[in-house]
Amino acid sequence: MHNDIVYGLKYCNVVKKSGIVVEKYEEVMGTFAPHDKVHSVDLTPEETPGGFLYRGTYRGKSMFIDNDGNVHMQFDYTFHIKKTWD
């Protein structure tokens, strides 16, 4: 798989609060042939909501996946929306 063409690579992101999906985002990055160059893709910026109802702890999962369903990279993260920084 190291020297294969990656068809239809896309970035997928899911954010949950208390186990409920609050945001799901996908963006196609393109098809890439193997070589030593670094690829850079600008994704659409996302905004974090504000206000009392949106405060709390959120958990997210991001993946880079191709058309064949191969996951090339995956990571989990957590963030908190608070009124003030401690």
PDB file of N, CA and C in Angstrom:
ATOM      1  N   MET A   1       0.818  -1.205   0.000  1.00  0.00           N
ATOM      2  CA  MET A   1       0.000   0.000   0.000  1.00  0.00           C
ATOM      3  C   MET A   1       0.855   1.259   0.000  1.00  0.00           C
ATOM      4  N   HIS A   2       2.137   1.119   0.290  1.00  0.00           N
ATOM      5  CA  HIS A   2       3.029   2.268   0.394  1.00  0.00           C
ATOM      6  C   HIS A   2       3.176   3.021  -0.925  1.00  0.00           C
ATOM      7  N   ASN A   3       3.156   2.324  -2.062  1.00  0.00           N
ATOM      8  CA  ASN A   3       3.362   2.970  -3.355  1.00  0.00           C
ATOM      9  C   ASN A   3       2.105   2.986  -4.217  1.00  0.00           C
ATOM     10  N   ASP A   4       0.944   2.874  -3.623  1.00  0.00           N
ATOM     11  CA  ASP A   4      -0.311   2.876  -4.361  1.00  0.00           C
ATOM     12  C   ASP A   4      -0.861   4.290  -4.497  1.00  0.00           C
ATOM     13  N   ILE A   5      -1.632   4.509  -5.550  1.00  0.00           N
ATOM     14  CA  ILE A   5      -2.337   5.779  -5.723  1.00  0.00           C
ATOM     15  C   ILE A   5      -3.494   5.813  -4.730  1.00  0.00           C
ATOM     16  N   VAL A   6      -3.693   6.946  -4.094  1.00  0.00           N
ATOM     17  CA  VAL A   6      -4.804   7.131  -3.155  1.00  0.00           C
ATOM     18  C   VAL A   6      -5.914   7.856  -3.901  1.00  0.00           C
ATOM     19  N   TYR A   7      -7.033   7.155  -4.117  1.00  0.00           N
ATOM     20  CA  TYR A   7      -8.159   7.709  -4.863  1.00  0.00           C
ATOM     21  C   TYR A   7      -9.177   8.332  -3.909  1.00  0.00           C
ATOM     22  N   GLY A   8      -9.567   9.561  -4.176  1.00  0.00           N
ATOM     23  CA  GLY A   8     -10.649  10.202  -3.442  1.00  0.00           C
ATOM     24  C   GLY A   8     -10.391  10.351  -1.946  1.00  0.00           C
ATOM     25  N   LEU A   9      -9.204  10.803  -1.579  1.00  0.00           N
ATOM     26  CA  LEU A   9      -8.901  11.000  -0.157  1.00  0.00           C
ATOM     27  C   LEU A   9      -9.801  12.099   0.387  1.00  0.00           C
ATOM     28  N   LYS A  10     -10.419  11.832   1.535  1.00  0.00           N
ATOM     29  CA  LYS A  10     -11.266  12.851   2.149  1.00  0.00           C
ATOM     30  C   LYS A  10     -10.994  12.936   3.639  1.00  0.00           C
ATOM     31  N   TYR A  11     -11.244  14.123   4.165  1.00  0.00           N
ATOM     32  CA  TYR A  11     -11.112  14.397   5.591  1.00  0.00           C
ATOM     33  C   TYR A  11     -12.512  14.319   6.199  1.00  0.00           C
ATOM     34  N   CYS A  12     -12.672  13.505   7.239  1.00  0.00           N
ATOM     35  CA  CYS A  12     -13.956  13.343   7.917  1.00  0.00           C
ATOM     36  C   CYS A  12     -13.789  13.731   9.380  1.00  0.00           C
ATOM     37  N   ASN A  13     -14.723  14.491   9.908  1.00  0.00           N
ATOM     38  CA  ASN A  13     -14.662  14.939  11.295  1.00  0.00           C
ATOM     39  C   ASN A  13     -16.055  14.819  11.906  1.00  0.00           C
ATOM     40  N   VAL A  14     -16.130  14.215  13.107  1.00  0.00           N
ATOM     41  CA  VAL A  14     -17.389  14.088  13.842  1.00  0.00           C
ATOM     42  C   VAL A  14     -17.148  14.623  15.244  1.00  0.00           C
ATOM     43  N   VAL A  15     -18.032  15.517  15.701  1.00  0.00           N
ATOM     44  CA  VAL A  15     -17.946  16.082  17.054  1.00  0.00           C
ATOM     45  C   VAL A  15     -19.205  15.698  17.805  1.00  0.00           C
ATOM     46  N   LYS A  16     -19.008  15.209  19.042  1.00  0.00           N
ATOM     47  CA  LYS A  16     -20.142  14.784  19.876  1.00  0.00           C
ATOM     48  C   LYS A  16     -20.088  15.490  21.223  1.00  0.00           C
ATOM     49  N   LYS A  17     -21.269  15.730  21.783  1.00  0.00           N
ATOM     50  CA  LYS A  17     -21.402  16.236  23.145  1.00  0.00           C
ATOM     51  C   LYS A  17     -22.365  15.298  23.850  1.00  0.00           C
ATOM     52  N   SER A  18     -21.933  14.713  24.941  1.00  0.00           N
ATOM     53  CA  SER A  18     -22.732  13.747  25.703  1.00  0.00           C
ATOM     54  C   SER A  18     -23.215  12.593  24.824  1.00  0.00           C
ATOM     55  N   GLY A  19     -22.377  12.162  23.890  1.00  0.00           N
ATOM     56  CA  GLY A  19     -22.706  11.037  23.023  1.00  0.00           C
ATOM     57  C   GLY A  19     -23.600  11.359  21.845  1.00  0.00           C
ATOM     58  N   ILE A  20     -24.032  12.611  21.720  1.00  0.00           N
ATOM     59  CA  ILE A  20     -24.911  13.035  20.622  1.00  0.00           C
ATOM     60  C   ILE A  20     -24.093  13.792  19.585  1.00  0.00           C
ATOM     61  N   VAL A  21     -24.230  13.419  18.325  1.00  0.00           N
ATOM     62  CA  VAL A  21     -23.499  14.091  17.248  1.00  0.00           C
ATOM     63  C   VAL A  21     -24.022  15.510  17.095  1.00  0.00           C
ATOM     64  N   VAL A  22     -23.127  16.488  17.242  1.00  0.00           N
ATOM     65  CA  VAL A  22     -23.511  17.894  17.085  1.00  0.00           C
ATOM     66  C   VAL A  22     -22.968  18.484  15.781  1.00  0.00           C
ATOM     67  N   GLU A  23     -21.966  17.804  15.192  1.00  0.00           N
ATOM     68  CA  GLU A  23     -21.440  18.270  13.918  1.00  0.00           C
ATOM     69  C   GLU A  23     -20.766  17.123  13.192  1.00  0.00           C
ATOM     70  N   LYS A  24     -21.016  17.057  11.905  1.00  0.00           N
ATOM     71  CA  LYS A  24     -20.378  16.064  11.052  1.00  0.00           C
ATOM     72  C   LYS A  24     -19.909  16.804   9.808  1.00  0.00           C
ATOM     73  N   TYR A  25     -18.646  16.613   9.450  1.00  0.00           N
ATOM     74  CA  TYR A  25     -18.047  17.387   8.376  1.00  0.00           C
ATOM     75  C   TYR A  25     -17.192  16.476   7.505  1.00  0.00           C
ATOM     76  N   GLU A  26     -17.315  16.583   6.198  1.00  0.00           N
ATOM     77  CA  GLU A  26     -16.489  15.843   5.249  1.00  0.00           C
ATOM     78  C   GLU A  26     -16.039  16.791   4.146  1.00  0.00           C
ATOM     79  N   GLU A  27     -14.792  16.640   3.746  1.00  0.00           N
ATOM     80  CA  GLU A  27     -14.298  17.430   2.622  1.00  0.00           C
ATOM     81  C   GLU A  27     -13.345  16.576   1.804  1.00  0.00           C
ATOM     82  N   VAL A  28     -13.609  16.476   0.495  1.00  0.00           N
ATOM     83  CA  VAL A  28     -12.760  15.711  -0.413  1.00  0.00           C
ATOM     84  C   VAL A  28     -11.498  16.513  -0.691  1.00  0.00           C
ATOM     85  N   MET A  29     -10.360  15.834  -0.555  1.00  0.00           N
ATOM     86  CA  MET A  29      -9.070  16.485  -0.761  1.00  0.00           C
ATOM     87  C   MET A  29      -8.492  16.188  -2.136  1.00  0.00           C
ATOM     88  N   GLY A  30      -8.852  15.046  -2.721  1.00  0.00           N
ATOM     89  CA  GLY A  30      -8.391  14.730  -4.064  1.00  0.00           C
ATOM     90  C   GLY A  30      -7.761  13.354  -4.163  1.00  0.00           C
ATOM     91  N   THR A  31      -7.166  13.081  -5.327  1.00  0.00           N
ATOM     92  CA  THR A  31      -6.468  11.835  -5.610  1.00  0.00           C
ATOM     93  C   THR A  31      -4.980  12.125  -5.674  1.00  0.00           C
ATOM     94  N   PHE A  32      -4.182  11.257  -5.048  1.00  0.00           N
ATOM     95  CA  PHE A  32      -2.747  11.528  -4.939  1.00  0.00           C
ATOM     96  C   PHE A  32      -1.934  10.316  -5.369  1.00  0.00           C
ATOM     97  N   ALA A  33      -0.916  10.578  -6.192  1.00  0.00           N
ATOM     98  CA  ALA A  33       0.036   9.543  -6.584  1.00  0.00           C
ATOM     99  C   ALA A  33       1.195   9.560  -5.589  1.00  0.00           C
ATOM    100  N   PRO A  34       1.875   8.410  -5.421  1.00  0.00           N
ATOM    101  CA  PRO A  34       2.987   8.372  -4.473  1.00  0.00           C
ATOM    102  C   PRO A  34       4.199   9.151  -4.979  1.00  0.00           C
ATOM    103  N   HIS A  35       4.739   9.999  -4.127  1.00  0.00           N
ATOM    104  CA  HIS A  35       6.009  10.691  -4.372  1.00  0.00           C
ATOM    105  C   HIS A  35       6.445  11.341  -3.073  1.00  0.00           C
ATOM    106  N   ASP A  36       7.611  11.950  -3.072  1.00  0.00           N
ATOM    107  CA  ASP A  36       8.206  12.478  -1.838  1.00  0.00           C
ATOM    108  C   ASP A  36       7.755  13.897  -1.492  1.00  0.00           C
ATOM    109  N   LYS A  37       6.924  14.497  -2.307  1.00  0.00           N
ATOM    110  CA  LYS A  37       6.468  15.858  -2.043  1.00  0.00           C
ATOM    111  C   LYS A  37       5.430  15.884  -0.916  1.00  0.00           C
ATOM    112  N   VAL A  38       5.386  16.977  -0.202  1.00  0.00           N
ATOM    113  CA  VAL A  38       4.383  17.175   0.843  1.00  0.00           C
ATOM    114  C   VAL A  38       3.176  17.854   0.204  1.00  0.00           C
ATOM    115  N   HIS A  39       1.987  17.355   0.496  1.00  0.00           N
ATOM    116  CA  HIS A  39       0.757  17.949  -0.025  1.00  0.00           C
ATOM    117  C   HIS A  39       0.175  18.882   1.022  1.00  0.00           C
ATOM    118  N   SER A  40      -0.346  19.985   0.574  1.00  0.00           N
ATOM    119  CA  SER A  40      -0.998  20.934   1.469  1.00  0.00           C
ATOM    120  C   SER A  40      -2.367  21.262   0.902  1.00  0.00           C
ATOM    121  N   VAL A  41      -3.399  21.133   1.737  1.00  0.00           N
ATOM    122  CA  VAL A  41      -4.764  21.409   1.315  1.00  0.00           C
ATOM    123  C   VAL A  41      -5.401  22.340   2.339  1.00  0.00           C
ATOM    124  N   ASP A  42      -5.998  23.424   1.887  1.00  0.00           N
ATOM    125  CA  ASP A  42      -6.700  24.347   2.773  1.00  0.00           C
ATOM    126  C   ASP A  42      -8.144  23.871   2.922  1.00  0.00           C
ATOM    127  N   LEU A  43      -8.520  23.557   4.153  1.00  0.00           N
ATOM    128  CA  LEU A  43      -9.885  23.123   4.436  1.00  0.00           C
ATOM    129  C   LEU A  43     -10.750  24.325   4.792  1.00  0.00           C
ATOM    130  N   THR A  44     -12.034  24.175   4.644  1.00  0.00           N
ATOM    131  CA  THR A  44     -12.974  25.225   4.994  1.00  0.00           C
ATOM    132  C   THR A  44     -12.929  25.457   6.505  1.00  0.00           C
ATOM    133  N   PRO A  45     -12.738  26.705   6.949  1.00  0.00           N
ATOM    134  CA  PRO A  45     -12.690  26.963   8.401  1.00  0.00           C
ATOM    135  C   PRO A  45     -14.022  26.655   9.073  1.00  0.00           C
ATOM    136  N   GLU A  46     -13.933  26.200  10.318  1.00  0.00           N
ATOM    137  CA  GLU A  46     -15.124  25.920  11.103  1.00  0.00           C
ATOM    138  C   GLU A  46     -15.154  26.862  12.293  1.00  0.00           C
ATOM    139  N   GLU A  47     -16.344  27.242  12.733  1.00  0.00           N
ATOM    140  CA  GLU A  47     -16.494  28.119  13.891  1.00  0.00           C
ATOM    141  C   GLU A  47     -17.015  27.347  15.078  1.00  0.00           C
ATOM    142  N   THR A  48     -16.489  27.669  16.241  1.00  0.00           N
ATOM    143  CA  THR A  48     -16.970  27.070  17.482  1.00  0.00           C
ATOM    144  C   THR A  48     -18.130  27.910  17.993  1.00  0.00           C
ATOM    145  N   PRO A  49     -19.240  27.273  18.363  1.00  0.00           N
ATOM    146  CA  PRO A  49     -20.385  28.050  18.857  1.00  0.00           C
ATOM    147  C   PRO A  49     -20.093  28.666  20.218  1.00  0.00           C
ATOM    148  N   GLY A  50     -20.808  29.712  20.549  1.00  0.00           N
ATOM    149  CA  GLY A  50     -20.656  30.362  21.844  1.00  0.00           C
ATOM    150  C   GLY A  50     -21.998  30.464  22.542  1.00  0.00           C
ATOM    151  N   GLY A  51     -21.962  30.856  23.798  1.00  0.00           N
ATOM    152  CA  GLY A  51     -23.198  31.018  24.548  1.00  0.00           C
ATOM    153  C   GLY A  51     -23.376  29.943  25.595  1.00  0.00           C
ATOM    154  N   PHE A  52     -24.278  30.199  26.514  1.00  0.00           N
ATOM    155  CA  PHE A  52     -24.510  29.338  27.660  1.00  0.00           C
ATOM    156  C   PHE A  52     -24.864  27.899  27.266  1.00  0.00           C
ATOM    157  N   LEU A  53     -25.716  27.735  26.285  1.00  0.00           N
ATOM    158  CA  LEU A  53     -26.176  26.393  25.904  1.00  0.00           C
ATOM    159  C   LEU A  53     -25.086  25.541  25.271  1.00  0.00           C
ATOM    160  N   TYR A  54     -24.055  26.171  24.753  1.00  0.00           N
ATOM    161  CA  TYR A  54     -23.003  25.430  24.064  1.00  0.00           C
ATOM    162  C   TYR A  54     -21.824  25.077  24.965  1.00  0.00           C
ATOM    163  N   ARG A  55     -21.831  25.537  26.201  1.00  0.00           N
ATOM    164  CA  ARG A  55     -20.724  25.232  27.107  1.00  0.00           C
ATOM    165  C   ARG A  55     -20.714  23.753  27.445  1.00  0.00           C
ATOM    166  N   GLY A  56     -19.513  23.226  27.646  1.00  0.00           N
ATOM    167  CA  GLY A  56     -19.383  21.818  28.024  1.00  0.00           C
ATOM    168  C   GLY A  56     -18.196  21.172  27.365  1.00  0.00           C
ATOM    169  N   THR A  57     -18.112  19.871  27.517  1.00  0.00           N
ATOM    170  CA  THR A  57     -17.018  19.082  26.965  1.00  0.00           C
ATOM    171  C   THR A  57     -17.478  18.382  25.693  1.00  0.00           C
ATOM    172  N   TYR A  58     -16.663  18.476  24.675  1.00  0.00           N
ATOM    173  CA  TYR A  58     -16.937  17.876  23.376  1.00  0.00           C
ATOM    174  C   TYR A  58     -15.834  16.876  23.048  1.00  0.00           C
ATOM    175  N   ARG A  59     -16.198  15.821  22.356  1.00  0.00           N
ATOM    176  CA  ARG A  59     -15.230  14.830  21.897  1.00  0.00           C
ATOM    177  C   ARG A  59     -15.337  14.740  20.380  1.00  0.00           C
ATOM    178  N   GLY A  60     -14.184  14.673  19.747  1.00  0.00           N
ATOM    179  CA  GLY A  60     -14.172  14.611  18.294  1.00  0.00           C
ATOM    180  C   GLY A  60     -13.302  13.486  17.781  1.00  0.00           C
ATOM    181  N   LYS A  61     -13.566  13.088  16.549  1.00  0.00           N
ATOM    182  CA  LYS A  61     -12.759  12.089  15.865  1.00  0.00           C
ATOM    183  C   LYS A  61     -12.558  12.566  14.439  1.00  0.00           C
ATOM    184  N   SER A  62     -11.294  12.600  14.006  1.00  0.00           N
ATOM    185  CA  SER A  62     -10.959  12.980  12.640  1.00  0.00           C
ATOM    186  C   SER A  62     -10.290  11.817  11.943  1.00  0.00           C
ATOM    187  N   MET A  63     -10.594  11.655  10.657  1.00  0.00           N
ATOM    188  CA  MET A  63     -10.012  10.570   9.860  1.00  0.00           C
ATOM    189  C   MET A  63      -9.710  11.073   8.453  1.00  0.00           C
ATOM    190  N   PHE A  64      -8.676  10.496   7.876  1.00  0.00           N
ATOM    191  CA  PHE A  64      -8.386  10.661   6.461  1.00  0.00           C
ATOM    192  C   PHE A  64      -8.650   9.296   5.832  1.00  0.00           C
ATOM    193  N   ILE A  65      -9.642   9.237   4.960  1.00  0.00           N
ATOM    194  CA  ILE A  65     -10.111   7.958   4.419  1.00  0.00           C
ATOM    195  C   ILE A  65     -10.245   8.081   2.894  1.00  0.00           C
ATOM    196  N   ASP A  66      -9.971   6.983   2.179  1.00  0.00           N
ATOM    197  CA  ASP A  66     -10.072   7.026   0.720  1.00  0.00           C
ATOM    198  C   ASP A  66     -11.354   6.349   0.237  1.00  0.00           C
ATOM    199  N   ASN A  67     -11.549   6.344  -1.094  1.00  0.00           N
ATOM    200  CA  ASN A  67     -12.761   5.762  -1.680  1.00  0.00           C
ATOM    201  C   ASN A  67     -12.925   4.276  -1.397  1.00  0.00           C
ATOM    202  N   ASP A  68     -11.814   3.577  -1.147  1.00  0.00           N
ATOM    203  CA  ASP A  68     -11.857   2.142  -0.868  1.00  0.00           C
ATOM    204  C   ASP A  68     -12.158   1.849   0.603  1.00  0.00           C
ATOM    205  N   GLY A  69     -12.294   2.896   1.420  1.00  0.00           N
ATOM    206  CA  GLY A  69     -12.571   2.711   2.838  1.00  0.00           C
ATOM    207  C   GLY A  69     -11.336   2.522   3.696  1.00  0.00           C
ATOM    208  N   ASN A  70     -10.140   2.703   3.120  1.00  0.00           N
ATOM    209  CA  ASN A  70      -8.899   2.594   3.886  1.00  0.00           C
ATOM    210  C   ASN A  70      -8.691   3.854   4.716  1.00  0.00           C
ATOM    211  N   VAL A  71      -8.487   3.692   6.010  1.00  0.00           N
ATOM    212  CA  VAL A  71      -8.211   4.825   6.891  1.00  0.00           C
ATOM    213  C   VAL A  71      -6.701   5.028   6.908  1.00  0.00           C
ATOM    214  N   HIS A  72      -6.242   6.193   6.427  1.00  0.00           N
ATOM    215  CA  HIS A  72      -4.810   6.487   6.358  1.00  0.00           C
ATOM    216  C   HIS A  72      -4.303   7.138   7.639  1.00  0.00           C
ATOM    217  N   MET A  73      -5.173   7.809   8.343  1.00  0.00           N
ATOM    218  CA  MET A  73      -4.809   8.420   9.620  1.00  0.00           C
ATOM    219  C   MET A  73      -6.093   8.703  10.386  1.00  0.00           C
ATOM    220  N   GLN A  74      -6.031   8.552  11.713  1.00  0.00           N
ATOM    221  CA  GLN A  74      -7.204   8.795  12.560  1.00  0.00           C
ATOM    222  C   GLN A  74      -6.716   9.298  13.904  1.00  0.00           C
ATOM    223  N   PHE A  75      -7.415  10.279  14.458  1.00  0.00           N
ATOM    224  CA  PHE A  75      -7.075  10.743  15.804  1.00  0.00           C
ATOM    225  C   PHE A  75      -8.324  11.247  16.513  1.00  0.00           C
ATOM    226  N   ASP A  76      -8.327  11.101  17.828  1.00  0.00           N
ATOM    227  CA  ASP A  76      -9.409  11.569  18.688  1.00  0.00           C
ATOM    228  C   ASP A  76      -8.932  12.793  19.444  1.00  0.00           C
ATOM    229  N   TYR A  77      -9.854  13.684  19.780  1.00  0.00           N
ATOM    230  CA  TYR A  77      -9.502  14.878  20.543  1.00  0.00           C
ATOM    231  C   TYR A  77     -10.681  15.301  21.407  1.00  0.00           C
ATOM    232  N   THR A  78     -10.397  16.138  22.387  1.00  0.00           N
ATOM    233  CA  THR A  78     -11.405  16.663  23.305  1.00  0.00           C
ATOM    234  C   THR A  78     -11.187  18.160  23.437  1.00  0.00           C
ATOM    235  N   PHE A  79     -12.281  18.908  23.531  1.00  0.00           N
ATOM    236  CA  PHE A  79     -12.156  20.340  23.828  1.00  0.00           C
ATOM    237  C   PHE A  79     -13.301  20.773  24.722  1.00  0.00           C
ATOM    238  N   HIS A  80     -13.098  21.878  25.408  1.00  0.00           N
ATOM    239  CA  HIS A  80     -14.073  22.415  26.353  1.00  0.00           C
ATOM    240  C   HIS A  80     -14.453  23.825  25.926  1.00  0.00           C
ATOM    241  N   ILE A  81     -15.729  24.133  25.973  1.00  0.00           N
ATOM    242  CA  ILE A  81     -16.200  25.502  25.757  1.00  0.00           C
ATOM    243  C   ILE A  81     -16.619  26.028  27.115  1.00  0.00           C
ATOM    244  N   LYS A  82     -15.958  27.119  27.546  1.00  0.00           N
ATOM    245  CA  LYS A  82     -16.176  27.687  28.865  1.00  0.00           C
ATOM    246  C   LYS A  82     -16.462  29.184  28.756  1.00  0.00           C
ATOM    247  N   LYS A  83     -16.982  29.732  29.822  1.00  0.00           N
ATOM    248  CA  LYS A  83     -17.219  31.175  29.869  1.00  0.00           C
ATOM    249  C   LYS A  83     -15.893  31.922  29.993  1.00  0.00           C
ATOM    250  N   THR A  84     -15.009  31.412  30.863  1.00  0.00           N
ATOM    251  CA  THR A  84     -13.707  32.060  31.080  1.00  0.00           C
ATOM    252  C   THR A  84     -12.607  30.998  31.070  1.00  0.00           C
ATOM    253  N   TRP A  85     -11.387  31.446  30.827  1.00  0.00           N
ATOM    254  CA  TRP A  85     -10.223  30.569  30.883  1.00  0.00           C
ATOM    255  C   TRP A  85      -9.698  30.537  32.304  1.00  0.00           C
ATOM    256  N   ASP A  86      -9.401  29.370  32.804  1.00  0.00           N
ATOM    257  CA  ASP A  86      -8.864  29.217  34.163  1.00  0.00           C
ATOM    258  C   ASP A  86      -7.363  29.400  34.188  1.00  0.00           C
TER     259      ASP A  86
END
